[in-house]
Structure formats: structure tokens, C-alpha cells
N, C-alpha and C. Protein backbone atom coordinates (compact mmCIF):
# COMPACT_ATOMS: atom_id res chain seq x y z
N MET A 1 20.47 -1.49 4.68
CA MET A 1 19.58 -2.51 3.94
C MET A 1 19.96 -2.47 2.71
N GLY A 2 20.25 -3.18 1.80
CA GLY A 2 20.52 -3.37 0.44
C GLY A 2 19.89 -4.50 -0.39
N ILE A 3 19.80 -4.46 -1.42
CA ILE A 3 19.34 -4.94 -2.47
C ILE A 3 20.19 -5.64 -3.58
N THR A 4 20.12 -6.82 -4.01
CA THR A 4 20.60 -7.27 -5.05
C THR A 4 20.04 -7.29 -6.70
N ILE A 5 20.32 -6.52 -7.56
CA ILE A 5 19.58 -6.54 -8.39
C ILE A 5 20.58 -8.02 -9.56
N PRO A 6 20.07 -8.53 -10.32
CA PRO A 6 20.88 -9.75 -11.07
C PRO A 6 22.13 -8.61 -12.09
N ARG A 7 22.21 -7.71 -12.54
CA ARG A 7 22.69 -7.34 -13.08
C ARG A 7 23.69 -6.90 -12.68
N ALA A 8 23.88 -5.95 -11.29
CA ALA A 8 24.49 -5.36 -10.08
C ALA A 8 25.71 -6.12 -10.04
N ARG A 9 26.98 -6.20 -10.09
CA ARG A 9 27.93 -6.60 -9.46
C ARG A 9 27.86 -7.00 -7.89
N SER A 10 27.50 -6.54 -7.11
CA SER A 10 27.12 -6.20 -5.61
C SER A 10 25.94 -6.02 -4.79
N PRO A 11 25.85 -5.67 -4.07
CA PRO A 11 24.36 -5.50 -2.95
C PRO A 11 24.46 -4.03 -3.83
N LEU A 12 23.37 -3.19 -4.13
CA LEU A 12 23.19 -1.84 -3.62
C LEU A 12 22.88 -1.35 -2.50
N PRO A 13 23.28 -0.52 -1.97
CA PRO A 13 22.74 0.09 -0.45
C PRO A 13 21.26 0.84 -1.02
N LEU A 14 20.51 1.04 -0.24
CA LEU A 14 18.84 1.24 0.08
C LEU A 14 19.39 2.63 0.95
N PRO A 15 18.39 3.77 0.24
CA PRO A 15 18.49 5.09 1.54
C PRO A 15 17.23 4.51 2.71
N ASP A 16 17.13 4.90 3.62
CA ASP A 16 16.80 4.18 4.59
C ASP A 16 14.96 4.87 3.91
N ALA A 17 14.68 6.11 3.81
CA ALA A 17 13.28 6.25 3.21
C ALA A 17 12.65 5.20 2.17
N VAL A 18 13.75 4.64 1.24
CA VAL A 18 13.50 4.10 0.22
C VAL A 18 13.19 2.33 0.84
N ALA A 19 14.01 2.15 1.95
CA ALA A 19 13.92 0.91 2.59
C ALA A 19 12.60 0.95 3.51
N ASP A 20 12.30 2.35 4.21
CA ASP A 20 11.06 2.20 4.64
C ASP A 20 9.72 2.14 3.86
N LEU A 21 9.72 2.45 2.59
CA LEU A 21 8.91 2.41 1.39
C LEU A 21 8.46 1.34 1.25
N LEU A 22 9.68 0.61 0.78
CA LEU A 22 9.60 -0.71 0.71
C LEU A 22 8.94 -1.46 1.62
N ALA A 23 9.39 -1.54 2.91
CA ALA A 23 8.51 -2.57 4.14
C ALA A 23 7.06 -2.25 4.47
N ASP A 24 6.81 -0.51 3.69
CA ASP A 24 5.78 -0.34 3.91
C ASP A 24 4.47 -0.63 2.80
N ALA A 25 5.03 -0.86 1.30
CA ALA A 25 4.20 -1.40 0.40
C ALA A 25 4.60 -2.97 0.79
N LEU A 26 5.71 -3.45 1.20
CA LEU A 26 5.35 -4.97 1.18
C LEU A 26 4.31 -5.52 2.26
N ASP A 27 4.30 -5.04 3.24
CA ASP A 27 3.72 -4.80 4.87
C ASP A 27 1.91 -4.81 3.99
N ALA A 28 1.79 -4.07 2.89
CA ALA A 28 0.29 -3.35 2.58
C ALA A 28 0.21 -4.79 1.90
N HIS A 29 1.00 -4.97 1.12
CA HIS A 29 0.81 -5.97 0.49
C HIS A 29 0.27 -7.39 0.98
N ALA A 30 0.85 -7.78 1.84
CA ALA A 30 0.64 -8.77 2.46
C ALA A 30 -0.84 -9.05 3.54
N ARG A 31 -1.15 -7.66 3.65
CA ARG A 31 -2.66 -7.52 4.26
C ARG A 31 -3.15 -7.50 3.35
N GLY A 32 -2.94 -7.90 2.16
CA GLY A 32 -4.23 -8.22 0.91
C GLY A 32 -4.59 -6.80 0.08
N HIS A 33 -3.43 -5.73 0.28
CA HIS A 33 -3.88 -4.13 -0.32
C HIS A 33 -3.25 -4.33 -1.69
N ARG A 34 -4.07 -3.51 -2.79
CA ARG A 34 -3.07 -3.58 -3.95
C ARG A 34 -2.39 -2.51 -3.68
N VAL A 35 -1.38 -2.67 -4.49
CA VAL A 35 0.12 -1.68 -4.25
C VAL A 35 0.52 -1.48 -5.80
N GLU A 36 0.87 -0.20 -5.94
CA GLU A 36 1.35 -0.18 -6.92
C GLU A 36 2.43 0.86 -6.96
N LEU A 37 3.26 0.32 -7.94
CA LEU A 37 4.45 1.48 -8.10
C LEU A 37 4.06 3.23 -9.05
N VAL A 38 4.50 3.99 -8.59
CA VAL A 38 4.22 4.87 -9.47
C VAL A 38 5.43 5.48 -9.78
N VAL A 39 5.60 5.64 -11.11
CA VAL A 39 7.10 6.45 -11.60
C VAL A 39 6.94 7.54 -12.13
N HIS A 40 7.78 8.82 -10.97
CA HIS A 40 7.53 10.24 -12.14
C HIS A 40 8.48 10.56 -12.66
N THR A 41 8.06 10.78 -14.11
CA THR A 41 8.99 11.15 -15.53
C THR A 41 9.64 12.46 -15.16
N HIS A 42 9.31 13.00 -13.76
CA HIS A 42 9.67 14.65 -13.94
C HIS A 42 10.45 14.91 -12.75
N ALA A 43 11.63 15.11 -12.64
CA ALA A 43 12.37 14.49 -11.96
C ALA A 43 11.72 16.19 -10.26
N ASP A 44 10.86 17.43 -10.97
CA ASP A 44 10.32 18.60 -10.24
C ASP A 44 9.38 17.85 -9.42
N GLU A 45 8.93 16.84 -9.61
CA GLU A 45 7.47 16.35 -8.94
C GLU A 45 7.65 15.82 -7.23
N ALA A 46 7.08 16.51 -6.67
CA ALA A 46 7.28 15.61 -5.03
C ALA A 46 6.93 15.06 -5.18
N PRO A 47 7.48 13.68 -4.14
CA PRO A 47 7.06 12.85 -3.85
C PRO A 47 5.54 12.61 -3.11
N ILE A 48 4.98 11.12 -3.15
CA ILE A 48 4.14 11.30 -2.23
C ILE A 48 4.22 11.47 -0.24
N PRO A 49 4.00 11.89 0.52
CA PRO A 49 2.82 12.84 0.31
C PRO A 49 2.83 14.44 0.46
N TYR A 50 3.45 14.72 -0.70
CA TYR A 50 3.59 16.10 -0.86
C TYR A 50 4.12 17.25 -0.15
N LEU A 51 5.41 16.71 0.45
CA LEU A 51 6.05 17.28 1.17
C LEU A 51 7.46 18.29 0.45
N ILE A 52 7.27 19.58 0.78
CA ILE A 52 8.33 20.42 0.25
C ILE A 52 9.72 20.29 1.03
N LEU A 53 10.62 19.86 0.68
CA LEU A 53 11.60 19.54 2.01
C LEU A 53 12.87 20.04 1.19
N ASP A 54 12.72 20.61 0.06
CA ASP A 54 14.42 21.35 -0.15
C ASP A 54 14.11 22.71 -0.05
N ARG A 55 13.23 23.53 0.25
CA ARG A 55 13.35 24.85 0.81
C ARG A 55 13.33 25.34 2.23
N ASP A 56 13.77 26.69 2.47
CA ASP A 56 13.85 26.72 3.96
C ASP A 56 12.29 26.55 4.23
N PRO A 57 11.45 26.27 5.79
CA PRO A 57 10.53 26.05 6.17
C PRO A 57 9.93 27.76 5.88
N ASN A 58 10.86 28.38 6.28
CA ASN A 58 10.15 29.72 6.38
C ASN A 58 9.90 30.87 4.93
N ASP A 59 10.41 30.13 3.69
CA ASP A 59 9.85 30.57 2.02
C ASP A 59 8.08 30.15 2.21
N GLU A 60 7.60 31.21 1.55
CA GLU A 60 6.49 31.15 1.22
C GLU A 60 6.00 30.64 -0.05
N LEU A 61 4.74 30.33 0.15
CA LEU A 61 4.08 29.20 -1.27
C LEU A 61 2.93 30.30 -1.55
N THR A 62 2.55 30.78 -2.87
CA THR A 62 1.65 31.16 -3.31
C THR A 62 0.55 29.66 -3.22
N THR A 63 -1.14 30.59 -3.31
CA THR A 63 -2.07 29.34 -3.39
C THR A 63 -2.02 28.67 -4.23
N GLN A 64 -1.57 28.91 -5.74
CA GLN A 64 -1.12 28.30 -6.92
C GLN A 64 -0.11 27.18 -6.64
N GLU A 65 1.00 27.41 -6.01
CA GLU A 65 2.13 26.75 -5.75
C GLU A 65 1.81 25.43 -4.66
N ALA A 66 0.88 26.08 -3.60
CA ALA A 66 0.64 25.09 -2.80
C ALA A 66 -0.33 23.94 -3.22
N ALA A 67 -1.48 24.15 -4.42
CA ALA A 67 -2.21 23.65 -4.83
C ALA A 67 -1.30 22.44 -6.00
N VAL A 68 -0.44 22.99 -6.55
CA VAL A 68 0.34 22.32 -7.60
C VAL A 68 1.22 20.98 -6.41
N ALA A 69 1.85 21.75 -5.47
CA ALA A 69 2.16 20.70 -4.86
C ALA A 69 1.48 19.59 -4.31
N LEU A 70 0.43 19.83 -3.76
CA LEU A 70 -0.69 19.05 -3.00
C LEU A 70 -1.66 18.43 -4.20
N ARG A 71 -1.54 18.88 -5.22
CA ARG A 71 -2.40 18.20 -6.71
C ARG A 71 -3.64 18.26 -6.17
N VAL A 72 -3.90 19.41 -5.90
CA VAL A 72 -5.55 19.68 -5.57
C VAL A 72 -5.66 21.19 -6.47
N SER A 73 -6.64 21.68 -6.21
CA SER A 73 -7.41 22.90 -7.11
C SER A 73 -7.03 23.89 -6.18
N ARG A 74 -6.70 25.15 -6.57
CA ARG A 74 -6.26 26.45 -6.02
C ARG A 74 -7.56 26.82 -4.69
N PRO A 75 -8.67 26.73 -5.71
CA PRO A 75 -9.76 26.77 -4.77
C PRO A 75 -9.97 25.75 -3.28
N THR A 76 -9.55 24.69 -3.26
CA THR A 76 -9.18 23.62 -2.33
C THR A 76 -8.30 24.43 -1.09
N ILE A 77 -7.10 24.68 -1.86
CA ILE A 77 -6.43 25.43 -0.78
C ILE A 77 -6.63 26.93 0.11
N ILE A 78 -7.62 27.69 -1.07
CA ILE A 78 -8.22 28.57 -0.24
C ILE A 78 -9.20 28.47 0.80
N LYS A 79 -9.96 27.12 0.61
CA LYS A 79 -11.42 26.84 1.40
C LYS A 79 -10.49 26.67 2.49
N ALA A 80 -9.24 25.84 2.44
CA ALA A 80 -8.71 25.46 3.71
C ALA A 80 -8.16 26.44 4.36
N ILE A 81 -7.83 27.29 3.98
CA ILE A 81 -7.47 28.88 4.39
C ILE A 81 -8.34 29.33 5.09
N ASP A 82 -9.58 29.48 4.24
CA ASP A 82 -10.60 30.10 5.01
C ASP A 82 -11.23 29.65 5.97
N GLU A 83 -10.80 28.38 6.28
CA GLU A 83 -11.60 27.34 7.09
C GLU A 83 -11.02 27.47 8.38
N GLY A 84 -9.56 28.23 8.57
CA GLY A 84 -8.31 27.88 9.65
C GLY A 84 -7.72 26.63 9.58
N ARG A 85 -7.79 25.69 8.61
CA ARG A 85 -7.40 24.78 8.74
C ARG A 85 -5.79 24.58 7.97
N LEU A 86 -5.28 25.56 7.55
CA LEU A 86 -4.21 25.80 6.92
C LEU A 86 -3.40 27.58 7.06
N PRO A 87 -2.45 27.81 8.33
CA PRO A 87 -2.48 29.30 7.91
C PRO A 87 -2.09 29.80 7.09
N ALA A 88 -2.27 31.04 6.95
CA ALA A 88 -1.93 31.73 5.58
C ALA A 88 -1.91 33.31 6.10
N ARG A 89 -0.98 34.48 5.15
CA ARG A 89 -1.33 35.64 5.22
C ARG A 89 -1.20 36.33 4.59
N ARG A 90 -1.91 37.19 4.46
CA ARG A 90 -2.61 38.38 3.04
C ARG A 90 -1.04 39.14 2.90
N VAL A 91 -1.07 39.08 1.24
CA VAL A 91 -0.14 40.32 0.87
C VAL A 91 -0.98 40.95 -0.04
N GLY A 92 -1.58 42.41 0.06
CA GLY A 92 -2.51 42.67 -0.39
C GLY A 92 -3.81 42.19 -0.84
N LYS A 93 -4.23 41.65 -2.24
CA LYS A 93 -5.32 40.49 -1.90
C LYS A 93 -5.33 39.10 -2.10
N HIS A 94 -3.40 38.88 -2.33
CA HIS A 94 -3.07 37.06 -2.11
C HIS A 94 -2.90 36.87 -0.85
N ARG A 95 -2.83 35.46 -1.11
CA ARG A 95 -2.63 34.94 0.61
C ARG A 95 -0.97 34.56 0.15
N ARG A 96 -0.41 33.99 1.29
CA ARG A 96 1.09 33.38 1.48
C ARG A 96 0.41 32.33 1.94
N VAL A 97 1.54 31.03 2.11
CA VAL A 97 1.65 30.33 3.21
C VAL A 97 2.88 29.94 3.08
N ARG A 98 3.10 29.51 4.65
CA ARG A 98 4.53 29.37 4.86
C ARG A 98 4.88 27.66 4.15
N ILE A 99 6.20 27.18 4.38
CA ILE A 99 5.98 26.02 3.85
C ILE A 99 5.71 25.11 4.91
N TYR A 100 6.45 25.73 6.28
CA TYR A 100 6.73 25.02 7.38
C TYR A 100 5.03 24.65 7.55
N ASP A 101 3.76 25.49 8.11
CA ASP A 101 2.41 25.22 7.54
C ASP A 101 2.29 24.31 6.91
N PHE A 102 2.80 24.20 5.16
CA PHE A 102 2.13 23.40 4.16
C PHE A 102 2.55 22.56 4.59
N ASN A 103 3.52 21.96 5.06
CA ASN A 103 3.90 20.78 5.10
C ASN A 103 3.14 20.06 6.33
N ALA A 104 3.01 20.83 7.53
CA ALA A 104 2.34 20.33 8.38
C ALA A 104 0.49 19.92 7.84
N TYR A 105 0.13 20.72 7.38
CA TYR A 105 -0.99 20.73 6.32
C TYR A 105 -1.04 19.29 5.90
N ALA A 106 -0.05 19.19 4.82
CA ALA A 106 -0.36 17.86 3.74
C ALA A 106 -0.07 16.77 4.78
N GLN A 107 0.68 16.73 5.71
CA GLN A 107 0.98 15.81 6.59
C GLN A 107 -0.64 14.89 7.14
N ALA A 108 -1.11 16.26 7.82
CA ALA A 108 -2.45 15.90 8.40
C ALA A 108 -3.23 15.62 7.21
N GLU A 109 -3.36 15.93 6.44
CA GLU A 109 -4.26 15.55 5.13
C GLU A 109 -3.96 14.14 4.88
N HIS A 110 -3.29 13.81 4.85
CA HIS A 110 -2.57 12.60 4.38
C HIS A 110 -2.71 11.70 5.57
N ALA A 111 -2.54 11.83 6.64
CA ALA A 111 -2.82 10.96 7.95
C ALA A 111 -4.76 10.88 7.76
N ALA A 112 -5.53 11.76 7.46
CA ALA A 112 -7.18 12.04 7.30
C ALA A 112 -7.29 10.97 6.40
N ARG A 113 -6.58 11.06 4.98
CA ARG A 113 -6.89 10.19 3.46
C ARG A 113 -6.68 8.71 3.98
N VAL A 114 -5.75 8.53 4.69
CA VAL A 114 -5.16 7.11 4.52
C VAL A 114 -6.01 6.60 6.09
N ALA A 115 -6.26 7.07 6.99
CA ALA A 115 -7.58 6.99 8.01
C ALA A 115 -8.86 6.46 7.74
N HIS A 116 -9.11 7.33 6.54
CA HIS A 116 -10.56 7.30 5.93
C HIS A 116 -10.17 6.24 4.70
N ALA A 117 -9.42 6.06 4.32
CA ALA A 117 -9.06 4.71 3.62
C ALA A 117 -9.19 3.40 4.24
N MET A 118 -8.72 3.73 5.25
CA MET A 118 -8.26 2.52 6.12
C MET A 118 -10.35 2.02 6.30
N GLU A 119 -10.62 2.92 6.81
CA GLU A 119 -12.22 2.93 7.44
C GLU A 119 -13.20 2.06 6.59
N SER A 120 -12.49 2.93 5.51
CA SER A 120 -13.50 2.44 4.11
C SER A 120 -13.13 0.78 4.02
N ASP A 121 -12.19 0.43 3.91
CA ASP A 121 -11.93 -0.98 3.34
C ASP A 121 -12.24 -1.79 4.71
N ARG A 122 -12.21 -1.17 5.68
CA ARG A 122 -12.97 -2.18 6.93
C ARG A 122 -14.33 -2.36 6.55
N ILE A 123 -15.27 -1.00 6.45
CA ILE A 123 -16.52 -1.60 6.29
C ILE A 123 -17.03 -1.89 5.10
N GLU A 124 -15.98 -2.04 4.03
CA GLU A 124 -16.27 -3.34 2.70
C GLU A 124 -16.21 -4.07 3.26
N GLN A 125 -14.96 -4.58 3.93
CA GLN A 125 -14.84 -5.83 4.70
C GLN A 125 -16.04 -6.53 5.59
N GLU A 126 -16.65 -5.73 6.37
CA GLU A 126 -17.80 -6.26 7.16
C GLU A 126 -18.96 -6.46 6.49
N LEU A 127 -19.26 -5.94 5.32
CA LEU A 127 -20.10 -6.02 4.44
C LEU A 127 -20.29 -6.74 3.06
N GLY A 128 -18.83 -7.81 3.12
CA GLY A 128 -18.88 -8.32 2.33
C GLY A 128 -18.82 -7.57 1.03
N LEU A 129 -18.20 -6.84 0.98
CA LEU A 129 -18.08 -6.12 -0.75
C LEU A 129 -17.39 -6.92 -1.54
N TYR A 130 -15.87 -7.80 -0.70
CA TYR A 130 -14.75 -7.78 -1.58
C TYR A 130 -15.14 -9.25 -1.70
N GLU A 131 -14.90 -10.56 -2.57
CA GLU A 131 -14.90 -11.96 -2.96
C GLU A 131 -13.94 -12.49 -1.69
N ILE A 132 -12.99 -11.68 -1.44
CA ILE A 132 -12.13 -13.01 -0.63
C ILE A 132 -11.88 -11.91 0.52
N PRO A 133 -11.99 -12.37 1.61
CA PRO A 133 -12.32 -11.52 3.46
C PRO A 133 -10.44 -11.46 3.07
N LEU A 134 -9.88 -10.15 3.70
CA LEU A 134 -8.27 -10.33 4.25
C LEU A 134 -8.46 -10.68 5.48
N PRO A 135 -6.96 -11.83 5.74
CA PRO A 135 -6.93 -12.45 6.81
C PRO A 135 -6.59 -11.49 7.58
N PRO A 136 -7.37 -11.84 9.06
CA PRO A 136 -7.14 -10.94 10.19
C PRO A 136 -5.76 -10.65 10.83
N SER A 137 -4.62 -11.47 10.61
CA SER A 137 -3.31 -11.65 11.33
C SER A 137 -2.27 -11.60 10.05
N ARG A 138 -1.23 -11.63 10.18
CA ARG A 138 -0.27 -12.11 10.14
C ARG A 138 0.18 -13.37 9.24
N ALA A 139 0.08 -14.10 10.77
CA ALA A 139 -0.03 -15.50 10.45
C ALA A 139 -1.30 -16.15 9.82
N ALA A 140 -2.48 -15.75 9.92
CA ALA A 140 -3.33 -16.28 8.92
C ALA A 140 -3.09 -15.79 7.25
N TRP A 141 -2.28 -14.62 7.09
CA TRP A 141 -1.84 -14.42 5.46
C TRP A 141 -1.36 -15.55 5.39
N LYS A 142 -0.06 -16.30 6.40
CA LYS A 142 1.34 -16.98 5.74
C LYS A 142 0.39 -18.41 5.69
N ALA A 143 -0.30 -18.77 6.46
CA ALA A 143 -1.11 -19.81 6.49
C ALA A 143 -1.89 -20.10 4.89
N LEU A 144 -2.67 -18.67 4.61
CA LEU A 144 -3.43 -18.59 3.28
C LEU A 144 -2.85 -19.00 2.26
N LEU A 145 -1.68 -18.79 2.34
CA LEU A 145 -0.34 -18.62 1.09
C LEU A 145 0.27 -19.80 1.03
N ALA A 146 0.05 -20.75 2.48
CA ALA A 146 0.66 -22.08 2.23
C ALA A 146 -0.21 -22.91 1.79
N GLN A 147 -1.70 -22.74 1.46
CA GLN A 147 -2.34 -23.44 1.17
C GLN A 147 -2.20 -23.61 -0.56
N PRO A 148 -2.37 -24.85 -0.75
CA PRO A 148 -1.97 -25.16 -2.27
C PRO A 148 -3.83 -24.11 -3.24
N GLN A 149 -3.40 -23.74 -4.22
CA GLN A 149 -4.24 -22.75 -5.26
C GLN A 149 -5.06 -23.50 -5.84
N LYS A 150 -6.34 -23.28 -5.43
CA LYS A 150 -7.20 -24.54 -6.44
C LYS A 150 -7.17 -23.54 -8.01
N GLN A 151 -7.24 -24.80 -8.59
CA GLN A 151 -7.15 -24.70 -10.56
C GLN A 151 -8.18 -24.77 -10.73
N GLN A 152 -8.45 -23.88 -11.87
CA GLN A 152 -10.29 -23.92 -12.34
C GLN A 152 -10.28 -24.68 -13.73
N ARG A 153 -11.34 -25.61 -13.78
CA ARG A 153 -11.44 -26.96 -14.47
C ARG A 153 -11.97 -25.70 -15.93
N ALA A 154 -11.39 -25.91 -17.23
CA ALA A 154 -12.46 -25.53 -18.28
C ALA A 154 -13.72 -26.33 -18.33
N ARG A 155 -14.11 -24.59 -18.69
CA ARG A 155 -15.74 -25.29 -19.00
C ARG A 155 -16.10 -25.73 -20.26
N PRO A 156 -16.46 -26.95 -20.32
CA PRO A 156 -16.59 -27.39 -21.99
C PRO A 156 -17.56 -26.28 -22.45
N SER A 157 -17.40 -26.19 -23.81
CA SER A 157 -18.04 -25.66 -24.66
C SER A 157 -20.00 -26.29 -24.50
N ARG A 158 -20.45 -25.22 -25.16
CA ARG A 158 -21.64 -25.04 -25.25
C ARG A 158 -22.35 -24.92 -26.35
N ARG A 159 -21.37 -24.81 -27.62
CA ARG A 159 -22.01 -24.96 -29.02
C ARG A 159 -22.05 -26.31 -28.92
N ARG A 160 -23.00 -26.31 -29.85
CA ARG A 160 -23.44 -27.82 -30.65
C ARG A 160 -22.40 -27.76 -31.95
N GLY A 161 -22.36 -28.92 -32.30
CA GLY A 161 -21.30 -29.31 -33.65
C GLY A 161 -22.55 -28.80 -34.40
N ARG A 162 -21.79 -28.21 -35.98
CA ARG A 162 -22.66 -27.95 -36.95
C ARG A 162 -22.49 -28.83 -37.87
């Protein structure tokens, strides 16, 4: 897949990961979800869903490193370890998490958050908390987009002449 940018002389190839991300964003937008583009200014920040892919899966992280990578507090990581949701080993008084286990935990947490967000959206839709309900299908969405938009009339001023 490629993309053509007006300033470019030829289409630029998109990596598969970027093409998949773009397809997911467009699909979410088509379903009426808000889509935001977040640009990371620091190259060392891990992209969502916070996976660590540039190191050996058997390398270990401290709880602080795991917390920074997942963008949560260190006590949240420790709680996950204590509850058995994130495997770790002890080194003296400290805990160490294998990157393989961290990535599995990060993927599971991400999936749980996505499922929770989707369920929350569904409930909010059922309760009528959105002004405009989301179309139930892609065809309904296309039909909605094809309808002419209603223009708002300017309200007459309620001010009385002085």
C-alpha cells in the first residue's frame, strides 16, 4: 500500500503496520468514533500498545521500567505481580519481569481496555447519552453520509434597539 502526498514526486510505500493502523483508524472513524493522532516527540517512547519489541524477550525489566513502558504507576505493576496477573521473579527485595511476560500482560491489558471501552460505548448508546446514535452498519453509515446536511438558521437577535 502506498500514499501520495502532494509534495512528493511519487507514491510513498507504507509499512504494513502503518497501513493496518490507518485502516483501523478509518474504520473507527466510519463507525462514529473520535480518532486522534498522537505524535510522539521522543523517539525512545514506545508506541501504543506499549510493547517492547527491540530487546530480547528473555531480558528483564525492573518494576519501574515496566511502569514507565506501560505508562502506569509502579504500585500498579506491583499489584499486578502480587495478584498473579504479571509473572515476575524476586532478586533480593526486588522484582524482575521478563519482557516476554510484560508484552503478554500489556496485550491482555490493552484488549481488556478496548473491550471495556466498546462495552461502555454500547451502554451509552443504549441509554441515549450521545446526541446522534451510531449507525448499526457500514451501509447505514454510508447512507447517512450521503444525506445533505441540515444548515442551521441564524437566530434573530433578541436585543432591542437602543
